[in-house]
Amino acid sequence: MKRKLRNALPYKDTPFLRVLHIIVAVLVLLQIINSNLTESEVLSDDSLTGFVTWFHVISGLALIVLGVVMLGWMLKNRGFRYYFAWLALDFRGIIEDVKMLFSFRLPEAHAGGIAALIQGLGVLSLLGVAVCGGTWFALETIYGPSSALAESTLHLHKFLTVFIETYFWAHGAMGLLHIFLTIRSQRKSPVIE
């Protein structure tokens, strides 16, 4: 069962991206969980809320680095058009995948397809939220908590968080569905080794 589950996980052909994907997912989940327990005013306090806030800041800064590494790996190995064909107004892969979905079949990941589109948008939304949060932290550190620019940046960060949270839950649900369907198909047609 353990091997079937491992084979159903994405990126079996690229272990580096698999591990990076899992680390990013765990950090984003921790960010979502602890975001309601953070307060910008307690960055200098030695309290539990101060610790949670610092953890949020440090893991957020780590997500900037990991997001850049992930985007760099994606672009180096598959190229810009694989994930962002829609920016060149090439919707053939998306149309092909939508047709397949209407025939009640899950499309495989391919250049310009829905899975590639979602992966590309997810990494961009991750970087948008993380960079905005990092910018807030820098402004807060330089100008102090009463800075209007820092406060506006924090509000933008909170607004953008809606997109990454939506992406996280929807992408996670689709990933679990994919794993479930892969394991189910393996049971129907077992491979004898």
N, C-alpha and C. Protein backbone atom coordinates (compact mmCIF):
# COMPACT_ATOMS: atom_id res chain seq x y z
N MET A 1 0.82 -1.19 0.00
CA MET A 1 0.00 0.00 0.00
C MET A 1 0.87 1.26 0.00
N LYS A 2 1.96 1.21 0.78
CA LYS A 2 2.84 2.37 0.87
C LYS A 2 3.44 2.72 -0.50
N ARG A 3 3.84 1.69 -1.27
CA ARG A 3 4.41 1.93 -2.58
C ARG A 3 3.35 2.45 -3.55
N LYS A 4 2.12 1.93 -3.46
CA LYS A 4 1.04 2.41 -4.32
C LYS A 4 0.76 3.88 -4.06
N LEU A 5 0.75 4.25 -2.79
CA LEU A 5 0.53 5.65 -2.44
C LEU A 5 1.67 6.52 -2.95
N ARG A 6 2.91 6.07 -2.76
CA ARG A 6 4.07 6.83 -3.23
C ARG A 6 4.04 6.99 -4.74
N ASN A 7 3.63 5.95 -5.47
CA ASN A 7 3.55 6.03 -6.93
C ASN A 7 2.39 6.90 -7.40
N ALA A 8 1.39 7.09 -6.55
CA ALA A 8 0.25 7.94 -6.93
C ALA A 8 0.54 9.42 -6.71
N LEU A 9 1.58 9.72 -5.91
CA LEU A 9 1.94 11.12 -5.69
C LEU A 9 2.53 11.71 -6.96
N PRO A 10 2.36 13.01 -7.15
CA PRO A 10 2.91 13.63 -8.36
C PRO A 10 4.43 13.70 -8.34
N TYR A 11 5.01 13.92 -9.50
CA TYR A 11 6.43 14.16 -9.70
C TYR A 11 7.32 12.98 -9.34
N LYS A 12 6.86 11.75 -9.62
CA LYS A 12 7.71 10.61 -9.30
C LYS A 12 8.97 10.59 -10.17
N ASP A 13 8.90 11.26 -11.33
CA ASP A 13 10.06 11.32 -12.21
C ASP A 13 11.03 12.43 -11.81
N THR A 14 10.60 13.30 -10.91
CA THR A 14 11.45 14.42 -10.46
C THR A 14 11.40 14.52 -8.94
N PRO A 15 12.22 13.71 -8.24
CA PRO A 15 12.16 13.69 -6.78
C PRO A 15 12.44 15.05 -6.13
N PHE A 16 13.32 15.86 -6.74
CA PHE A 16 13.61 17.18 -6.17
C PHE A 16 12.33 18.02 -6.10
N LEU A 17 11.58 18.06 -7.20
CA LEU A 17 10.36 18.86 -7.22
C LEU A 17 9.31 18.27 -6.29
N ARG A 18 9.27 16.96 -6.16
CA ARG A 18 8.32 16.33 -5.23
C ARG A 18 8.58 16.78 -3.80
N VAL A 19 9.84 16.74 -3.37
CA VAL A 19 10.19 17.15 -2.01
C VAL A 19 9.94 18.65 -1.84
N LEU A 20 10.32 19.45 -2.82
CA LEU A 20 10.10 20.89 -2.76
C LEU A 20 8.61 21.20 -2.67
N HIS A 21 7.81 20.50 -3.45
CA HIS A 21 6.36 20.68 -3.46
C HIS A 21 5.77 20.37 -2.08
N ILE A 22 6.22 19.30 -1.46
CA ILE A 22 5.72 18.91 -0.13
C ILE A 22 6.14 19.94 0.92
N ILE A 23 7.39 20.40 0.88
CA ILE A 23 7.86 21.40 1.85
C ILE A 23 7.05 22.69 1.71
N VAL A 24 6.84 23.14 0.48
CA VAL A 24 6.06 24.36 0.25
C VAL A 24 4.64 24.18 0.75
N ALA A 25 4.03 23.02 0.45
CA ALA A 25 2.65 22.78 0.90
C ALA A 25 2.54 22.80 2.42
N VAL A 26 3.49 22.19 3.10
CA VAL A 26 3.46 22.18 4.57
C VAL A 26 3.64 23.59 5.13
N LEU A 27 4.58 24.34 4.56
CA LEU A 27 4.79 25.71 5.04
C LEU A 27 3.57 26.59 4.78
N VAL A 28 2.94 26.44 3.62
CA VAL A 28 1.74 27.23 3.33
C VAL A 28 0.63 26.86 4.31
N LEU A 29 0.47 25.57 4.59
CA LEU A 29 -0.54 25.14 5.56
C LEU A 29 -0.26 25.76 6.93
N LEU A 30 0.99 25.73 7.36
CA LEU A 30 1.34 26.34 8.65
C LEU A 30 1.08 27.84 8.63
N GLN A 31 1.33 28.49 7.50
CA GLN A 31 1.05 29.93 7.38
C GLN A 31 -0.44 30.20 7.53
N ILE A 32 -1.25 29.37 6.90
CA ILE A 32 -2.71 29.54 6.97
C ILE A 32 -3.18 29.35 8.42
N ILE A 33 -2.66 28.33 9.07
CA ILE A 33 -3.08 28.02 10.44
C ILE A 33 -2.67 29.14 11.40
N ASN A 34 -1.42 29.58 11.31
CA ASN A 34 -0.96 30.54 12.31
C ASN A 34 -1.25 31.99 11.96
N SER A 35 -1.77 32.26 10.77
CA SER A 35 -2.00 33.66 10.37
C SER A 35 -3.02 34.36 11.27
N ASN A 36 -3.98 33.62 11.79
CA ASN A 36 -4.98 34.23 12.67
C ASN A 36 -4.45 34.48 14.08
N LEU A 37 -3.27 33.96 14.37
CA LEU A 37 -2.67 34.13 15.69
C LEU A 37 -1.54 35.15 15.69
N THR A 38 -1.33 35.84 14.56
CA THR A 38 -0.25 36.81 14.47
C THR A 38 -0.76 38.23 14.70
N GLU A 39 0.12 39.05 15.21
CA GLU A 39 -0.18 40.47 15.40
C GLU A 39 1.09 41.25 15.13
N SER A 40 1.01 42.19 14.21
CA SER A 40 2.21 42.94 13.82
C SER A 40 2.77 43.77 14.98
N GLU A 41 1.94 44.13 15.93
CA GLU A 41 2.39 44.97 17.04
C GLU A 41 3.27 44.23 18.03
N VAL A 42 3.29 42.90 17.99
CA VAL A 42 4.01 42.14 19.01
C VAL A 42 5.35 41.58 18.52
N LEU A 43 5.86 42.12 17.42
CA LEU A 43 7.14 41.62 16.91
C LEU A 43 8.27 41.76 17.92
N SER A 44 8.17 42.72 18.80
CA SER A 44 9.24 42.90 19.79
C SER A 44 8.91 42.27 21.15
N ASP A 45 7.76 41.62 21.25
CA ASP A 45 7.36 41.00 22.52
C ASP A 45 7.92 39.59 22.66
N ASP A 46 8.16 39.18 23.91
CA ASP A 46 8.57 37.81 24.21
C ASP A 46 7.35 37.02 24.67
N SER A 47 6.34 36.99 23.85
CA SER A 47 5.10 36.28 24.20
C SER A 47 4.86 35.18 23.18
N LEU A 48 3.85 34.36 23.44
CA LEU A 48 3.48 33.31 22.50
C LEU A 48 3.06 33.92 21.17
N THR A 49 2.29 34.98 21.22
CA THR A 49 1.85 35.65 19.99
C THR A 49 3.05 36.22 19.24
N GLY A 50 4.03 36.75 19.97
CA GLY A 50 5.25 37.24 19.35
C GLY A 50 6.02 36.13 18.67
N PHE A 51 6.11 34.97 19.33
CA PHE A 51 6.80 33.81 18.75
C PHE A 51 6.08 33.35 17.48
N VAL A 52 4.75 33.24 17.55
CA VAL A 52 3.98 32.80 16.38
C VAL A 52 4.14 33.79 15.23
N THR A 53 4.14 35.07 15.56
CA THR A 53 4.30 36.10 14.53
C THR A 53 5.68 35.99 13.88
N TRP A 54 6.73 35.79 14.69
CA TRP A 54 8.07 35.62 14.14
C TRP A 54 8.16 34.35 13.29
N PHE A 55 7.52 33.28 13.73
CA PHE A 55 7.50 32.05 12.93
C PHE A 55 6.83 32.32 11.58
N HIS A 56 5.74 33.09 11.60
CA HIS A 56 5.03 33.43 10.36
C HIS A 56 5.94 34.24 9.43
N VAL A 57 6.65 35.19 9.99
CA VAL A 57 7.55 36.03 9.19
C VAL A 57 8.69 35.19 8.61
N ILE A 58 9.34 34.39 9.43
CA ILE A 58 10.50 33.61 8.98
C ILE A 58 10.08 32.56 7.95
N SER A 59 8.98 31.86 8.20
CA SER A 59 8.55 30.86 7.22
C SER A 59 8.04 31.54 5.95
N GLY A 60 7.49 32.74 6.07
CA GLY A 60 7.08 33.50 4.89
C GLY A 60 8.28 33.90 4.04
N LEU A 61 9.36 34.33 4.71
CA LEU A 61 10.58 34.66 3.98
C LEU A 61 11.17 33.42 3.32
N ALA A 62 11.08 32.28 4.01
CA ALA A 62 11.55 31.02 3.42
C ALA A 62 10.72 30.66 2.19
N LEU A 63 9.42 30.97 2.23
CA LEU A 63 8.56 30.68 1.08
C LEU A 63 8.91 31.54 -0.13
N ILE A 64 9.44 32.73 0.09
CA ILE A 64 9.91 33.54 -1.04
C ILE A 64 11.05 32.80 -1.74
N VAL A 65 12.01 32.34 -0.95
CA VAL A 65 13.16 31.63 -1.51
C VAL A 65 12.71 30.34 -2.20
N LEU A 66 11.88 29.54 -1.51
CA LEU A 66 11.42 28.28 -2.08
C LEU A 66 10.55 28.50 -3.32
N GLY A 67 9.74 29.56 -3.30
CA GLY A 67 8.92 29.88 -4.47
C GLY A 67 9.76 30.25 -5.68
N VAL A 68 10.82 31.03 -5.45
CA VAL A 68 11.74 31.40 -6.54
C VAL A 68 12.46 30.15 -7.06
N VAL A 69 12.89 29.28 -6.15
CA VAL A 69 13.55 28.03 -6.56
C VAL A 69 12.58 27.18 -7.38
N MET A 70 11.33 27.06 -6.93
CA MET A 70 10.35 26.26 -7.64
C MET A 70 10.07 26.84 -9.02
N LEU A 71 9.84 28.14 -9.10
CA LEU A 71 9.58 28.78 -10.39
C LEU A 71 10.79 28.63 -11.31
N GLY A 72 11.99 28.82 -10.77
CA GLY A 72 13.21 28.64 -11.57
C GLY A 72 13.33 27.23 -12.10
N TRP A 73 13.06 26.24 -11.25
CA TRP A 73 13.14 24.84 -11.68
C TRP A 73 12.11 24.57 -12.77
N MET A 74 10.90 25.07 -12.56
CA MET A 74 9.83 24.85 -13.55
C MET A 74 10.21 25.44 -14.90
N LEU A 75 10.69 26.67 -14.90
CA LEU A 75 11.03 27.33 -16.16
C LEU A 75 12.26 26.71 -16.82
N LYS A 76 13.23 26.30 -16.01
CA LYS A 76 14.44 25.67 -16.57
C LYS A 76 14.13 24.32 -17.21
N ASN A 77 13.29 23.53 -16.54
CA ASN A 77 13.06 22.18 -17.02
C ASN A 77 11.93 22.05 -18.05
N ARG A 78 10.94 22.92 -18.00
CA ARG A 78 9.83 22.78 -18.92
C ARG A 78 9.58 24.01 -19.78
N GLY A 79 10.14 25.12 -19.40
CA GLY A 79 10.02 26.33 -20.20
C GLY A 79 8.79 27.16 -19.86
N PHE A 80 8.83 28.40 -20.28
CA PHE A 80 7.78 29.37 -19.99
C PHE A 80 6.44 28.95 -20.60
N ARG A 81 6.45 28.50 -21.85
CA ARG A 81 5.20 28.18 -22.55
C ARG A 81 4.50 26.95 -21.95
N TYR A 82 5.21 26.10 -21.27
CA TYR A 82 4.58 24.93 -20.65
C TYR A 82 3.53 25.38 -19.63
N TYR A 83 3.89 26.36 -18.81
CA TYR A 83 3.02 26.82 -17.73
C TYR A 83 2.19 28.06 -18.10
N PHE A 84 2.70 28.85 -19.01
CA PHE A 84 2.06 30.14 -19.29
C PHE A 84 1.71 30.31 -20.77
N ALA A 85 1.29 29.23 -21.43
CA ALA A 85 0.90 29.32 -22.84
C ALA A 85 -0.25 30.30 -23.04
N TRP A 86 -1.11 30.41 -22.06
CA TRP A 86 -2.26 31.31 -22.14
C TRP A 86 -1.84 32.76 -22.27
N LEU A 87 -0.65 33.12 -21.77
CA LEU A 87 -0.17 34.49 -21.92
C LEU A 87 0.16 34.81 -23.39
N ALA A 88 0.46 33.78 -24.17
CA ALA A 88 0.69 33.93 -25.60
C ALA A 88 -0.61 33.68 -26.38
N LEU A 89 -1.73 33.68 -25.64
CA LEU A 89 -3.07 33.43 -26.21
C LEU A 89 -3.17 32.07 -26.89
N ASP A 90 -2.43 31.10 -26.36
CA ASP A 90 -2.50 29.73 -26.85
C ASP A 90 -3.35 28.93 -25.85
N PHE A 91 -4.61 28.70 -26.21
CA PHE A 91 -5.55 28.02 -25.33
C PHE A 91 -5.84 26.59 -25.78
N ARG A 92 -5.08 26.07 -26.74
CA ARG A 92 -5.35 24.73 -27.27
C ARG A 92 -5.30 23.65 -26.19
N GLY A 93 -4.29 23.70 -25.32
CA GLY A 93 -4.16 22.70 -24.26
C GLY A 93 -5.32 22.75 -23.28
N ILE A 94 -5.77 23.96 -22.95
CA ILE A 94 -6.89 24.12 -22.02
C ILE A 94 -8.17 23.59 -22.65
N ILE A 95 -8.40 23.92 -23.92
CA ILE A 95 -9.60 23.45 -24.62
C ILE A 95 -9.61 21.93 -24.71
N GLU A 96 -8.44 21.36 -25.02
CA GLU A 96 -8.32 19.89 -25.08
C GLU A 96 -8.66 19.25 -23.73
N ASP A 97 -8.15 19.84 -22.65
CA ASP A 97 -8.41 19.31 -21.32
C ASP A 97 -9.87 19.46 -20.92
N VAL A 98 -10.49 20.59 -21.26
CA VAL A 98 -11.91 20.80 -20.94
C VAL A 98 -12.77 19.76 -21.67
N LYS A 99 -12.45 19.48 -22.92
CA LYS A 99 -13.19 18.45 -23.66
C LYS A 99 -13.05 17.10 -22.97
N MET A 100 -11.86 16.79 -22.51
CA MET A 100 -11.63 15.52 -21.83
C MET A 100 -12.42 15.47 -20.52
N LEU A 101 -12.46 16.59 -19.78
CA LEU A 101 -13.23 16.63 -18.53
C LEU A 101 -14.72 16.44 -18.80
N PHE A 102 -15.23 17.01 -19.89
CA PHE A 102 -16.64 16.83 -20.24
C PHE A 102 -16.97 15.40 -20.63
N SER A 103 -15.94 14.63 -20.99
CA SER A 103 -16.15 13.20 -21.27
C SER A 103 -15.87 12.36 -20.02
N PHE A 104 -15.80 13.03 -18.85
CA PHE A 104 -15.61 12.38 -17.55
C PHE A 104 -14.30 11.60 -17.44
N ARG A 105 -13.24 12.17 -18.02
CA ARG A 105 -11.90 11.61 -17.89
C ARG A 105 -10.98 12.72 -17.40
N LEU A 106 -10.01 12.34 -16.58
CA LEU A 106 -9.03 13.31 -16.09
C LEU A 106 -7.89 13.44 -17.09
N PRO A 107 -7.60 14.66 -17.51
CA PRO A 107 -6.49 14.84 -18.45
C PRO A 107 -5.14 14.69 -17.76
N GLU A 108 -4.17 14.24 -18.51
CA GLU A 108 -2.80 14.17 -18.01
C GLU A 108 -2.18 15.56 -18.07
N ALA A 109 -1.17 15.79 -17.27
CA ALA A 109 -0.46 17.07 -17.30
C ALA A 109 0.32 17.16 -18.61
N HIS A 110 0.21 18.31 -19.27
CA HIS A 110 0.95 18.55 -20.51
C HIS A 110 1.09 20.05 -20.72
N ALA A 111 1.95 20.42 -21.64
CA ALA A 111 2.22 21.83 -21.91
C ALA A 111 0.95 22.57 -22.28
N GLY A 112 0.70 23.69 -21.62
CA GLY A 112 -0.45 24.52 -21.92
C GLY A 112 -1.76 24.01 -21.40
N GLY A 113 -1.76 22.87 -20.70
CA GLY A 113 -3.00 22.28 -20.19
C GLY A 113 -3.42 22.88 -18.86
N ILE A 114 -4.54 22.38 -18.36
CA ILE A 114 -5.10 22.91 -17.12
C ILE A 114 -4.15 22.69 -15.94
N ALA A 115 -3.56 21.52 -15.84
CA ALA A 115 -2.64 21.24 -14.72
C ALA A 115 -1.45 22.20 -14.75
N ALA A 116 -0.90 22.45 -15.93
CA ALA A 116 0.23 23.37 -16.06
C ALA A 116 -0.20 24.80 -15.73
N LEU A 117 -1.38 25.18 -16.19
CA LEU A 117 -1.93 26.51 -15.89
C LEU A 117 -2.07 26.70 -14.38
N ILE A 118 -2.64 25.71 -13.72
CA ILE A 118 -2.86 25.79 -12.28
C ILE A 118 -1.53 25.83 -11.52
N GLN A 119 -0.57 25.02 -11.95
CA GLN A 119 0.76 25.03 -11.31
C GLN A 119 1.41 26.40 -11.46
N GLY A 120 1.37 26.95 -12.65
CA GLY A 120 1.98 28.26 -12.89
C GLY A 120 1.32 29.36 -12.08
N LEU A 121 -0.02 29.39 -12.09
CA LEU A 121 -0.73 30.40 -11.33
C LEU A 121 -0.52 30.24 -9.82
N GLY A 122 -0.42 28.99 -9.38
CA GLY A 122 -0.19 28.74 -7.96
C GLY A 122 1.14 29.27 -7.48
N VAL A 123 2.18 29.05 -8.26
CA VAL A 123 3.50 29.54 -7.87
C VAL A 123 3.53 31.07 -7.92
N LEU A 124 2.87 31.66 -8.93
CA LEU A 124 2.81 33.12 -8.98
C LEU A 124 2.04 33.70 -7.80
N SER A 125 0.93 33.05 -7.42
CA SER A 125 0.17 33.56 -6.27
C SER A 125 0.96 33.39 -4.98
N LEU A 126 1.68 32.27 -4.85
CA LEU A 126 2.55 32.07 -3.69
C LEU A 126 3.58 33.18 -3.59
N LEU A 127 4.24 33.46 -4.71
CA LEU A 127 5.27 34.50 -4.70
C LEU A 127 4.65 35.88 -4.45
N GLY A 128 3.48 36.13 -5.00
CA GLY A 128 2.83 37.42 -4.78
C GLY A 128 2.54 37.67 -3.31
N VAL A 129 1.96 36.67 -2.66
CA VAL A 129 1.63 36.81 -1.23
C VAL A 129 2.91 36.90 -0.39
N ALA A 130 3.87 36.04 -0.67
CA ALA A 130 5.10 36.01 0.13
C ALA A 130 5.92 37.28 -0.05
N VAL A 131 6.06 37.75 -1.27
CA VAL A 131 6.83 38.97 -1.52
C VAL A 131 6.12 40.17 -0.89
N CYS A 132 4.80 40.20 -0.98
CA CYS A 132 4.05 41.29 -0.36
C CYS A 132 4.23 41.26 1.16
N GLY A 133 4.19 40.08 1.76
CA GLY A 133 4.42 39.95 3.20
C GLY A 133 5.84 40.34 3.57
N GLY A 134 6.81 39.94 2.76
CA GLY A 134 8.21 40.32 3.00
C GLY A 134 8.41 41.83 2.88
N THR A 135 7.71 42.43 1.91
CA THR A 135 7.78 43.89 1.75
C THR A 135 7.19 44.59 2.98
N TRP A 136 6.05 44.06 3.46
CA TRP A 136 5.47 44.62 4.68
C TRP A 136 6.47 44.56 5.82
N PHE A 137 7.12 43.40 6.00
CA PHE A 137 8.07 43.23 7.10
C PHE A 137 9.22 44.23 6.98
N ALA A 138 9.73 44.41 5.76
CA ALA A 138 10.82 45.38 5.56
C ALA A 138 10.35 46.79 5.88
N LEU A 139 9.17 47.17 5.41
CA LEU A 139 8.63 48.51 5.69
C LEU A 139 8.37 48.70 7.19
N GLU A 140 7.85 47.67 7.83
CA GLU A 140 7.57 47.73 9.27
C GLU A 140 8.88 47.91 10.05
N THR A 141 9.92 47.22 9.60
CA THR A 141 11.22 47.31 10.27
C THR A 141 11.86 48.68 10.05
N ILE A 142 11.75 49.20 8.83
CA ILE A 142 12.40 50.47 8.50
C ILE A 142 11.63 51.67 9.06
N TYR A 143 10.31 51.69 8.80
CA TYR A 143 9.51 52.88 9.14
C TYR A 143 8.68 52.76 10.42
N GLY A 144 8.58 51.57 10.96
CA GLY A 144 7.82 51.38 12.19
C GLY A 144 6.35 51.04 11.93
N PRO A 145 5.67 50.62 12.98
CA PRO A 145 4.29 50.14 12.83
C PRO A 145 3.28 51.22 12.46
N SER A 146 3.63 52.48 12.65
CA SER A 146 2.66 53.53 12.34
C SER A 146 2.76 54.00 10.90
N SER A 147 3.62 53.38 10.10
CA SER A 147 3.80 53.77 8.70
C SER A 147 2.55 53.43 7.89
N ALA A 148 2.03 54.43 7.17
CA ALA A 148 0.85 54.21 6.32
C ALA A 148 1.18 53.24 5.19
N LEU A 149 2.41 53.32 4.66
CA LEU A 149 2.82 52.43 3.57
C LEU A 149 2.89 50.98 4.07
N ALA A 150 3.44 50.78 5.26
CA ALA A 150 3.51 49.43 5.83
C ALA A 150 2.10 48.89 6.07
N GLU A 151 1.22 49.74 6.58
CA GLU A 151 -0.15 49.31 6.85
C GLU A 151 -0.89 48.96 5.54
N SER A 152 -0.70 49.76 4.50
CA SER A 152 -1.33 49.48 3.20
C SER A 152 -0.79 48.17 2.61
N THR A 153 0.51 47.96 2.76
CA THR A 153 1.12 46.72 2.25
C THR A 153 0.59 45.51 3.01
N LEU A 154 0.39 45.66 4.32
CA LEU A 154 -0.17 44.56 5.12
C LEU A 154 -1.59 44.24 4.67
N HIS A 155 -2.37 45.26 4.38
CA HIS A 155 -3.74 45.03 3.89
C HIS A 155 -3.72 44.33 2.53
N LEU A 156 -2.80 44.71 1.66
CA LEU A 156 -2.67 44.05 0.36
C LEU A 156 -2.25 42.59 0.56
N HIS A 157 -1.33 42.36 1.48
CA HIS A 157 -0.89 40.99 1.79
C HIS A 157 -2.08 40.14 2.26
N LYS A 158 -2.90 40.70 3.14
CA LYS A 158 -4.08 39.95 3.62
C LYS A 158 -5.07 39.69 2.50
N PHE A 159 -5.24 40.66 1.60
CA PHE A 159 -6.14 40.49 0.45
C PHE A 159 -5.62 39.38 -0.47
N LEU A 160 -4.33 39.39 -0.78
CA LEU A 160 -3.76 38.38 -1.67
C LEU A 160 -3.78 36.99 -1.04
N THR A 161 -3.79 36.94 0.27
CA THR A 161 -3.84 35.65 0.97
C THR A 161 -5.09 34.86 0.60
N VAL A 162 -6.18 35.56 0.30
CA VAL A 162 -7.41 34.88 -0.12
C VAL A 162 -7.14 34.00 -1.34
N PHE A 163 -6.33 34.48 -2.28
CA PHE A 163 -6.05 33.73 -3.50
C PHE A 163 -5.20 32.49 -3.22
N ILE A 164 -4.18 32.63 -2.39
CA ILE A 164 -3.33 31.47 -2.12
C ILE A 164 -4.07 30.45 -1.26
N GLU A 165 -4.93 30.91 -0.34
CA GLU A 165 -5.72 29.96 0.45
C GLU A 165 -6.71 29.20 -0.44
N THR A 166 -7.37 29.91 -1.32
CA THR A 166 -8.30 29.25 -2.26
C THR A 166 -7.55 28.25 -3.12
N TYR A 167 -6.41 28.68 -3.64
CA TYR A 167 -5.59 27.79 -4.45
C TYR A 167 -5.14 26.57 -3.65
N PHE A 168 -4.69 26.80 -2.43
CA PHE A 168 -4.19 25.71 -1.60
C PHE A 168 -5.25 24.64 -1.39
N TRP A 169 -6.46 25.05 -0.98
CA TRP A 169 -7.51 24.07 -0.69
C TRP A 169 -8.01 23.40 -1.97
N ALA A 170 -8.20 24.17 -3.04
CA ALA A 170 -8.69 23.58 -4.29
C ALA A 170 -7.63 22.66 -4.91
N HIS A 171 -6.40 23.10 -4.92
CA HIS A 171 -5.31 22.30 -5.46
C HIS A 171 -5.11 21.03 -4.62
N GLY A 172 -5.19 21.18 -3.31
CA GLY A 172 -5.08 20.01 -2.43
C GLY A 172 -6.20 19.02 -2.66
N ALA A 173 -7.43 19.52 -2.81
CA ALA A 173 -8.57 18.63 -3.07
C ALA A 173 -8.40 17.90 -4.40
N MET A 174 -7.97 18.63 -5.41
CA MET A 174 -7.74 17.99 -6.72
C MET A 174 -6.61 16.97 -6.64
N GLY A 175 -5.57 17.29 -5.86
CA GLY A 175 -4.47 16.34 -5.68
C GLY A 175 -4.93 15.07 -4.99
N LEU A 176 -5.74 15.22 -3.95
CA LEU A 176 -6.27 14.03 -3.25
C LEU A 176 -7.18 13.22 -4.17
N LEU A 177 -8.00 13.91 -4.97
CA LEU A 177 -8.85 13.21 -5.94
C LEU A 177 -7.99 12.45 -6.94
N HIS A 178 -6.94 13.08 -7.42
CA HIS A 178 -6.04 12.42 -8.37
C HIS A 178 -5.39 11.18 -7.75
N ILE A 179 -4.92 11.31 -6.51
CA ILE A 179 -4.30 10.17 -5.82
C ILE A 179 -5.33 9.05 -5.65
N PHE A 180 -6.55 9.40 -5.21
CA PHE A 180 -7.60 8.41 -5.04
C PHE A 180 -7.90 7.69 -6.35
N LEU A 181 -8.07 8.44 -7.43
CA LEU A 181 -8.39 7.82 -8.72
C LEU A 181 -7.24 6.98 -9.25
N THR A 182 -6.00 7.42 -9.00
CA THR A 182 -4.84 6.64 -9.44
C THR A 182 -4.77 5.32 -8.69
N ILE A 183 -4.96 5.36 -7.37
CA ILE A 183 -4.92 4.12 -6.58
C ILE A 183 -6.07 3.21 -6.99
N ARG A 184 -7.24 3.78 -7.23
CA ARG A 184 -8.40 2.98 -7.65
C ARG A 184 -8.14 2.31 -9.00
N SER A 185 -7.53 3.03 -9.92
CA SER A 185 -7.24 2.44 -11.23
C SER A 185 -6.16 1.37 -11.12
N GLN A 186 -5.23 1.52 -10.17
CA GLN A 186 -4.20 0.51 -9.95
C GLN A 186 -4.81 -0.77 -9.40
N ARG A 187 -5.85 -0.63 -8.58
CA ARG A 187 -6.53 -1.81 -8.05
C ARG A 187 -7.29 -2.55 -9.13
N LYS A 188 -7.88 -1.82 -10.07
CA LYS A 188 -8.66 -2.43 -11.15
C LYS A 188 -7.78 -3.17 -12.12
N SER A 189 -6.59 -2.60 -12.38
CA SER A 189 -5.67 -3.25 -13.30
C SER A 189 -4.28 -3.32 -12.67
N PRO A 190 -4.11 -4.28 -11.76
CA PRO A 190 -2.83 -4.37 -11.04
C PRO A 190 -1.68 -4.73 -11.97
N VAL A 191 -0.53 -4.12 -11.72
CA VAL A 191 0.67 -4.39 -12.49
C VAL A 191 1.45 -5.49 -11.76
N ILE A 192 1.76 -6.54 -12.48
CA ILE A 192 2.50 -7.66 -11.88
C ILE A 192 3.97 -7.46 -12.18
N GLU A 193 4.79 -7.45 -11.12
CA GLU A 193 6.22 -7.23 -11.28
C GLU A 193 6.98 -8.50 -11.02
